[in-house]
Structure formats: structure tokens, C-alpha cells
Protein backbone atom coordinates (compact mmCIF):
# COMPACT_ATOMS: atom_id res chain seq x y z
CA MET A 1 -46.58 69.77 10.87
CA ARG A 2 -43.95 71.93 12.45
CA ILE A 3 -40.54 70.60 13.40
CA GLU A 4 -38.60 71.97 16.63
CA THR A 5 -34.80 71.45 16.20
CA GLU A 6 -34.04 73.02 19.92
CA ILE A 7 -31.75 69.79 21.39
CA LYS A 8 -33.65 67.85 24.18
CA LEU A 9 -31.02 65.97 26.66
CA ASP A 10 -31.63 62.92 28.56
CA PHE A 11 -30.16 61.61 31.67
CA LYS A 12 -27.75 60.18 29.68
CA ASP A 13 -26.57 63.53 27.81
CA VAL A 14 -25.27 65.12 30.90
CA LEU A 15 -22.89 64.51 33.74
CA PHE A 16 -22.83 66.94 36.82
CA LYS A 17 -19.75 69.18 36.81
CA PRO A 18 -17.55 68.67 40.27
CA LYS A 19 -17.36 72.00 42.17
CA ARG A 20 -15.42 73.34 45.53
CA SER A 21 -16.78 71.96 48.25
CA THR A 22 -16.73 72.86 52.42
CA LEU A 23 -18.71 69.38 52.91
CA LEU A 24 -16.29 66.68 55.35
CA SER A 25 -18.36 64.10 54.80
CA ARG A 26 -21.32 62.66 53.18
CA ARG A 27 -22.99 62.07 56.66
CA GLU A 28 -23.46 65.57 56.73
CA VAL A 29 -25.85 65.74 53.56
CA GLY A 30 -29.62 66.39 54.57
CA LEU A 31 -31.84 64.25 51.90
CA GLU A 32 -35.28 64.85 53.76
CA ARG A 33 -37.32 67.75 52.33
CA THR A 34 -40.06 69.94 53.80
CA PHE A 35 -43.04 71.12 51.30
CA LYS A 36 -46.01 73.46 51.43
CA PHE A 37 -48.45 73.22 48.28
CA LEU A 38 -50.16 75.20 45.59
CA HIS A 39 -53.57 74.42 47.20
CA SER A 40 -53.81 71.34 49.95
CA PRO A 41 -53.07 72.94 53.58
CA HIS A 42 -50.97 70.05 54.66
CA THR A 43 -46.84 70.64 54.92
CA TRP A 44 -45.18 66.98 53.58
CA ASN A 45 -41.55 66.03 55.01
CA GLY A 46 -39.52 63.40 54.00
CA VAL A 47 -37.06 62.12 51.48
CA PRO A 48 -39.01 63.36 48.15
CA ILE A 49 -38.42 59.61 45.85
CA ILE A 50 -41.48 57.43 45.54
CA ALA A 51 -42.16 53.66 44.48
CA SER A 52 -44.22 54.00 41.50
CA ASN A 53 -47.96 52.77 41.06
CA MET A 54 -47.40 49.48 39.83
CA ASP A 55 -48.73 45.95 41.04
CA SER A 56 -44.91 45.23 40.85
CA VAL A 57 -43.27 47.27 42.98
CA ALA A 58 -46.02 49.56 45.50
CA THR A 59 -47.39 47.19 47.57
CA PHE A 60 -48.86 46.71 51.17
CA GLU A 61 -45.49 45.60 52.34
CA CYS A 62 -43.12 48.52 50.28
CA ALA A 63 -45.00 51.04 51.96
CA ARG A 64 -44.42 49.57 55.78
CA ALA A 65 -40.67 49.03 54.47
CA LEU A 66 -40.34 52.79 52.47
CA SER A 67 -41.92 55.06 55.39
CA LYS A 68 -39.86 54.04 57.75
CA GLU A 69 -37.36 55.83 55.89
CA LYS A 70 -39.76 58.63 54.84
CA LEU A 71 -39.80 57.55 51.34
CA ILE A 72 -43.25 57.77 49.45
CA THR A 73 -44.94 54.67 47.95
CA CYS A 74 -48.06 55.69 45.46
CA LEU A 75 -50.37 52.13 46.45
CA HIS A 76 -50.64 50.53 43.29
CA LYS A 77 -54.97 50.48 42.02
CA HIS A 78 -55.66 46.67 42.11
CA TYR A 79 -56.46 45.67 45.31
CA LYS A 80 -59.78 45.02 46.72
CA THR A 81 -61.88 48.16 48.57
CA GLN A 82 -61.54 47.00 52.01
CA GLU A 83 -58.02 45.40 51.97
CA TYR A 84 -57.32 49.13 51.36
CA ILE A 85 -59.38 50.28 54.35
CA ASN A 86 -57.83 47.74 56.46
CA TYR A 87 -54.32 49.31 55.54
CA PHE A 88 -55.08 52.91 56.00
CA ASN A 89 -56.67 52.36 59.38
CA GLU A 90 -54.36 49.79 60.39
CA ILE A 91 -51.35 52.37 60.04
CA SER A 92 -49.69 55.32 61.80
CA TYR A 93 -50.21 58.62 60.76
CA VAL A 94 -46.19 59.31 60.23
CA ASP A 95 -47.47 56.37 57.00
CA THR A 96 -50.27 58.32 55.77
CA ASN A 97 -47.79 60.94 55.00
CA HIS A 98 -45.26 58.32 53.09
CA THR A 99 -48.59 56.86 51.54
CA ALA A 100 -50.30 57.95 48.30
CA PHE A 101 -53.19 56.35 46.93
CA SER A 102 -53.48 55.82 43.26
CA LEU A 103 -56.42 56.04 41.22
CA GLY A 104 -57.61 56.93 37.74
CA ILE A 105 -60.50 58.76 35.99
CA SER A 106 -62.97 56.62 36.17
CA GLU A 107 -66.57 57.07 37.98
CA ASP A 108 -66.07 53.80 39.55
CA GLU A 109 -62.47 54.63 40.68
CA PHE A 110 -63.81 57.90 42.21
CA ALA A 111 -66.85 56.26 44.06
CA ARG A 112 -64.46 53.85 45.72
CA LEU A 113 -62.22 56.91 46.31
CA CYS A 114 -65.52 58.51 48.29
CA GLU A 115 -65.79 54.65 50.49
CA ILE A 116 -62.05 54.60 51.36
CA GLN A 117 -62.43 57.74 52.71
CA LYS A 118 -65.45 57.68 54.62
CA LYS A 119 -64.85 54.85 56.06
CA THR A 120 -60.82 55.40 57.57
CA GLY A 121 -62.25 58.65 58.61
CA ASN A 122 -60.09 60.27 55.39
CA LYS A 123 -56.95 59.23 56.63
CA ILE A 124 -55.43 59.11 52.70
CA LYS A 125 -53.84 62.37 52.26
CA ILE A 126 -51.84 62.02 49.44
CA LEU A 127 -53.52 61.16 46.02
CA CYS A 128 -52.40 60.05 42.67
CA ILE A 129 -54.95 61.09 39.51
CA ASP A 130 -52.89 59.11 36.81
CA VAL A 131 -52.93 58.20 33.20
CA ALA A 132 -51.03 57.73 30.29
CA ASN A 133 -52.26 60.28 28.83
CA GLY A 134 -52.72 63.84 30.53
CA TYR A 135 -53.82 66.12 27.64
CA THR A 136 -57.30 65.29 27.56
CA GLU A 137 -59.85 67.74 28.87
CA ARG A 138 -61.45 64.36 30.42
CA PHE A 139 -58.42 64.39 32.47
CA ILE A 140 -58.26 67.95 33.41
CA SER A 141 -61.88 67.83 34.46
CA PHE A 142 -61.44 65.14 36.66
CA VAL A 143 -58.62 66.59 38.61
CA ALA A 144 -60.42 69.51 39.25
CA LYS A 145 -63.58 67.30 40.61
CA VAL A 146 -60.96 65.56 42.89
CA ARG A 147 -59.66 68.83 44.25
CA SER A 148 -63.08 69.96 44.62
CA LYS A 149 -64.43 67.09 46.93
CA PHE A 150 -61.14 66.95 48.52
CA LYS A 151 -59.86 70.23 49.12
CA ASP A 152 -57.23 69.05 52.25
CA CYS A 153 -55.64 66.53 49.91
CA ILE A 154 -52.36 66.61 48.27
CA ILE A 155 -53.42 65.86 44.61
CA ILE A 156 -50.71 64.65 41.87
CA ALA A 157 -52.02 64.41 38.63
CA GLY A 158 -50.31 63.54 35.63
CA ASN A 159 -48.20 62.14 33.18
CA VAL A 160 -47.18 64.94 31.28
CA VAL A 161 -44.16 66.35 29.50
CA THR A 162 -44.86 70.40 28.60
CA ALA A 163 -44.62 74.10 30.30
CA GLU A 164 -48.28 74.49 29.25
CA ILE A 165 -50.39 70.98 30.45
CA THR A 166 -48.31 71.33 33.36
CA GLU A 167 -49.73 75.30 34.50
CA GLN A 168 -53.55 74.43 33.85
CA LEU A 169 -53.00 71.25 35.51
CA LEU A 170 -51.88 73.54 38.64
CA LEU A 171 -54.90 75.61 37.93
CA ALA A 172 -57.24 72.81 37.62
CA GLY A 173 -55.97 71.87 41.22
CA ALA A 174 -52.73 69.57 41.21
CA ASP A 175 -50.46 70.59 43.35
CA ILE A 176 -47.46 68.11 42.13
CA VAL A 177 -47.40 67.43 38.68
CA LYS A 178 -45.94 63.52 37.05
CA VAL A 179 -43.91 64.66 34.72
CA GLY A 180 -42.58 61.29 31.83
CA ILE A 181 -44.15 60.12 28.67
CA GLY A 182 -42.10 57.27 27.50
CA SER A 183 -39.68 57.31 29.37
CA GLY A 184 -40.17 53.94 31.55
CA SER A 185 -38.17 50.52 31.28
CA VAL A 186 -40.52 48.87 30.72
CA CYS A 187 -42.85 51.25 28.43
CA THR A 188 -43.07 50.77 24.31
CA THR A 189 -45.58 54.10 24.20
CA ARG A 190 -42.74 55.85 22.10
CA ILE A 191 -42.31 52.54 19.97
CA GLN A 192 -46.02 51.96 19.54
CA ALA A 193 -47.35 55.66 19.78
CA GLY A 194 -44.57 57.60 18.58
CA VAL A 195 -44.57 60.12 21.24
CA GLY A 196 -42.63 61.28 24.05
CA TYR A 197 -40.20 63.89 25.19
CA PRO A 198 -36.39 62.86 26.75
CA GLN A 199 -37.27 63.30 30.43
CA LEU A 200 -34.18 65.58 31.30
CA SER A 201 -35.81 68.56 29.09
CA ALA A 202 -39.32 67.38 30.62
CA VAL A 203 -37.83 68.25 34.05
CA ILE A 204 -36.97 71.20 33.87
CA GLU A 205 -39.13 72.55 31.66
CA CYS A 206 -42.05 71.64 33.85
CA ALA A 207 -40.31 72.58 36.79
CA ASP A 208 -39.87 76.20 36.00
CA ALA A 209 -43.43 76.36 34.72
CA SER A 210 -44.69 74.85 38.07
CA HIS A 211 -42.41 77.09 40.03
CA GLY A 212 -43.51 79.78 39.35
CA LEU A 213 -46.89 79.05 39.57
CA GLY A 214 -45.65 77.85 43.37
CA GLY A 215 -46.33 74.18 42.59
CA ARG A 216 -44.58 71.17 42.31
CA ILE A 217 -43.58 68.33 39.77
CA MET A 218 -41.89 64.84 40.41
CA SER A 219 -40.41 63.19 37.59
CA ASP A 220 -41.52 59.75 36.99
CA GLY A 221 -39.15 57.53 34.99
CA GLY A 222 -36.49 57.30 33.02
CA CYS A 223 -33.73 56.79 35.50
CA THR A 224 -31.69 53.34 35.73
CA CYS A 225 -29.05 54.37 38.35
CA ALA A 226 -28.86 56.68 41.47
CA GLY A 227 -26.62 59.53 39.40
CA ASP A 228 -29.96 59.36 37.00
CA VAL A 229 -32.15 60.34 40.43
CA SER A 230 -29.64 63.32 41.34
CA LYS A 231 -29.80 64.34 37.33
CA ALA A 232 -33.99 64.91 37.81
CA PHE A 233 -33.20 66.54 41.29
CA GLY A 234 -30.79 68.95 39.72
CA GLY A 235 -33.03 69.69 37.18
CA GLY A 236 -35.38 70.84 39.61
CA ALA A 237 -37.59 67.62 40.08
CA ASP A 238 -39.09 68.14 43.58
CA PHE A 239 -39.89 64.36 43.49
CA VAL A 240 -38.46 61.57 41.56
CA MET A 241 -40.35 58.27 40.96
CA LEU A 242 -39.10 54.89 40.47
CA GLY A 243 -40.43 51.65 38.79
CA GLY A 244 -37.72 49.44 37.72
CA MET A 245 -35.14 49.77 39.76
CA PHE A 246 -37.27 49.40 42.87
CA ALA A 247 -38.63 46.14 41.60
CA GLY A 248 -37.71 42.45 42.35
CA HIS A 249 -36.99 43.11 45.60
CA ASP A 250 -38.91 40.52 48.56
CA GLU A 251 -41.10 43.12 49.80
CA ASN A 252 -43.03 43.63 46.24
CA VAL A 253 -41.49 40.52 44.38
CA VAL A 254 -44.18 38.67 41.56
CA LEU A 255 -43.09 35.65 40.26
CA GLY A 256 -43.81 34.82 36.19
CA GLU A 257 -44.48 30.96 35.46
CA ASP A 258 -40.67 29.58 35.59
CA GLY A 259 -40.55 30.81 39.00
CA SER A 260 -38.07 34.10 38.49
CA PRO A 261 -39.31 37.84 39.09
CA ILE A 262 -40.97 39.47 36.41
CA PHE A 263 -41.97 43.33 36.31
CA TYR A 264 -44.33 44.68 33.64
CA GLY A 265 -45.65 47.78 32.59
CA MET A 266 -49.22 48.80 33.34
CA SER A 267 -50.50 48.35 29.54
CA SER A 268 -48.27 45.55 28.93
CA ASP A 269 -50.01 42.31 28.15
CA THR A 270 -49.24 40.95 31.06
CA ALA A 271 -50.75 43.47 32.99
CA MET A 272 -53.93 43.65 30.55
CA ASP A 273 -54.17 39.69 30.99
CA LYS A 274 -54.42 40.20 34.77
CA TYR A 275 -56.67 42.72 34.97
CA ASN A 276 -58.97 43.84 32.40
CA GLY A 277 -59.31 40.11 30.51
CA GLY A 278 -56.82 41.09 27.68
CA LEU A 279 -56.47 44.05 25.39
CA ASN A 280 -59.38 45.51 23.98
CA LYS A 281 -59.80 45.47 20.37
CA TYR A 282 -59.30 49.32 19.82
CA ARG A 283 -56.18 49.56 21.16
CA SER A 284 -52.46 47.83 21.60
CA SER A 285 -50.08 46.99 24.64
CA GLU A 286 -47.78 50.15 25.22
CA GLY A 287 -45.48 47.73 27.44
CA ARG A 288 -43.52 44.73 27.87
CA THR A 289 -42.39 42.06 30.46
CA VAL A 290 -38.82 41.61 31.84
CA ARG A 291 -37.13 39.06 34.41
CA LEU A 292 -35.53 40.30 37.09
CA SER A 293 -32.77 38.81 39.64
CA LYS A 294 -34.04 38.83 42.97
CA ARG A 295 -32.42 41.31 44.45
CA GLY A 296 -33.40 40.93 48.17
CA SER A 297 -34.68 43.58 50.43
CA ILE A 298 -35.80 47.14 49.66
CA LEU A 299 -33.98 48.99 52.09
CA ASN A 300 -30.24 47.91 50.73
CA THR A 301 -31.29 49.64 47.22
CA VAL A 302 -32.88 52.21 49.07
CA ARG A 303 -29.67 53.09 50.83
CA ASP A 304 -27.49 52.42 48.17
CA LEU A 305 -29.60 54.61 46.31
CA LEU A 306 -30.02 57.52 48.60
CA GLY A 307 -25.58 57.26 49.23
CA GLY A 308 -25.63 57.64 45.55
CA VAL A 309 -27.45 61.02 46.13
CA ARG A 310 -25.60 61.89 49.13
CA SER A 311 -22.02 61.65 46.84
CA THR A 312 -23.53 63.84 44.04
CA CYS A 313 -24.18 66.62 46.64
CA THR A 314 -20.27 66.04 48.21
CA TYR A 315 -19.46 66.42 44.84
CA ILE A 316 -20.99 70.17 43.44
CA GLY A 317 -21.78 71.49 47.23
CA ALA A 318 -24.43 70.79 48.33
CA ARG A 319 -25.51 70.31 51.78
CA GLU A 320 -28.99 69.44 51.61
CA LEU A 321 -30.71 67.76 48.52
CA ARG A 322 -33.31 70.95 48.41
CA GLU A 323 -29.72 72.85 47.48
CA LEU A 324 -28.79 70.38 44.70
CA SER A 325 -30.52 72.55 41.75
CA LYS A 326 -29.25 75.53 42.17
CA CYS A 327 -25.39 73.97 42.74
CA THR A 328 -26.26 72.19 39.32
CA THR A 329 -24.11 73.09 36.45
CA PHE A 330 -24.62 69.73 33.66
CA ILE A 331 -21.93 69.48 31.20
CA ARG A 332 -23.17 67.14 27.56
CA VAL A 333 -21.38 64.15 27.48
CA SER A 334 -21.45 61.90 24.26
CA GLN A 335 -20.70 58.60 27.49
CA GLN A 336 -21.34 59.00 30.51
CA TYR A 337 -19.31 56.21 32.03
CA ASN A 338 -16.80 53.33 30.64
CA PRO A 339 -18.45 50.49 30.00
CA ILE A 340 -15.55 48.33 28.91
CA TYR A 341 -16.03 45.23 31.92
CA GLU A 342 -19.41 46.59 32.42
CA SER A 343 -20.06 42.45 30.71
CA LYS A 344 -17.99 40.86 33.58
CA THR A 345 -18.88 43.12 36.31
CA ILE A 346 -18.69 39.74 39.53
């Protein structure tokens, strides 16, 4: 047993230090980025914010809406095979650059990916290989297998929170490593398993490891507001994945038994009952189910979110999103905002 005593930070533990800026307006800030990758020959362009691959978030309807703003939707994996085939055969080239296909590490899911690619003419350009625990040898081997089969695809792989495994996944074939364990709003891994890592420190450390090899990272989880998204970019994230912030909208609403919108983790009882016939005897639920208020169109939330990121850039002198981390100085705080009237907001 050993204990690491170095302080690790979450988004709530810091604020940006403002700096002199020559920007006249938020309108001047450019949020689109262009990326090349370690393995894939594709060049990607857009706003590097991603809807999480949860069935109460990343629907076909959500993907159609977000692609208009050049954001990525990482489709959940619970549609039928023919539904994916129909969708990818229908969407445009621009949309395929902003739609990712999600899969786990079973042979059935690999076979389904092969079938969809064959029947769509390899229209899937972005793959997200997603497991809760990215530290197993089986996972790393699966990433290498997918890379060997689909050499041109942009491969996202995760989740992890440490530099060493980030490097190993990149060397195995990942282009983007997904970072975050236990930080999601409906994740209970830290309660059930006692495992996790403060999200900002995980992003900073994994970004340092990834960029040294020419790879990319995606911050997944922990964002509660637009300012947190900016902090993830400030810490070195190339992409930021959002779940709860994108849930409960017209394009992806899931209704509970009482008719109100709900949002749940994909390891929750709700998800396990829905897709696996309940929890297996050897495991426990690592997710919660929550009620939400109806939130209208997701594009309203997107515009508010992007406005917040632009505002961050104007405060610290970043003319483009790619400059944000270079302009960032974080200051540690004990409280990031004044909550006195929080419950009275109308």
C-alpha cells in the first residue's frame, strides 16, 4: 500500500486568472479546431465538444441537430444494426465527420461494426471503444485489433485517468484517449468501488502524456456548466464530452413512468433492466437515475454553452480555442461562485 500526497484538483477547485486582452467582442473568438491524428489519416474540423454515448443523450435526432453546429455526437450502442445502416447511408459527408459509432469489446459488437461498415461503404469514420475500466489487457488488445482492421478510422478509447495507460492506448492504436472515471453526474463508481481521480488533474496529466506522443485526449465527465468546459480545454483537453448537460432535450428526451424526463448512467439499474434483463449476480449498480425538467431544443443549450466558452477566451486573451490552454493560468479557490441566491433564481 502507498499514498500519494500531491494535491489533485477538480474543476470546482480553480478559476481562470483574467489577463489583458485585445479582443473587442466574443464574436471575434473562433471555436472551430482542425486536428490531425497519430494513426488515422483523416483530418477533422469542427467544434470539439461531444455528446456522450448514452441512450438518453446521443440519439440520431441529437446527432442531426449537433452536426449543424459542427459538434460530434457519439451515438449510443443500443439501436438495432439495420437502424445504424439506414442512418449512415442517409447522412451527408459532413455529418459522418460529426457522428461517432460506439462499441464495447465483445466479439458480437466487433462483428456488428464489420457488418455496418460493409453495408455502408465504410461511412463510419469515428469509432468510440468505450468501457468503464480501460485498464485491462483485454481492452488494450481490442483497441489494437480494431486499429488493425480499420486503419483509416479515428479511434477514441477509454476510460482512463493516468498518464501511463494513456500512452499505452495511443501506442496500441488509439488516436484520442477518453479521460474520466467516476466524475459523471450519474456515475456512482466512486461510491461503489472507491475508484476515481479528480477530473482537472486527470486531464492535465493525461494531456501531457498524450501530446508528447502526438495523440489527443477527450475529457469525459465532471462538467456542470460552461465554465467547466472551458476549464477542461484550459487544462489541455482536445475534446470535451458531455452527458448530463446535453440530456433532457427535445432531441433526446427519455420519459420515466410519471411522464417526466429522466437521465441515467449506463451502469444504473435502469439501463441494466432495459438492455440486459437486470444486473448480473456478480456485480452492483454503478449509476443513478435522476429526474430532469424539460429543456427545449438542444441547440439553445449549445449556443449558451459556446457563448460561455467564448466569454472565457475574451477574459484571458485567447483569440481562438486552440490558444485557450496556452493563455490559461488557474488559481486555486475554496468557492467558485456565490450561491446565496441560487435557490431563489427565477
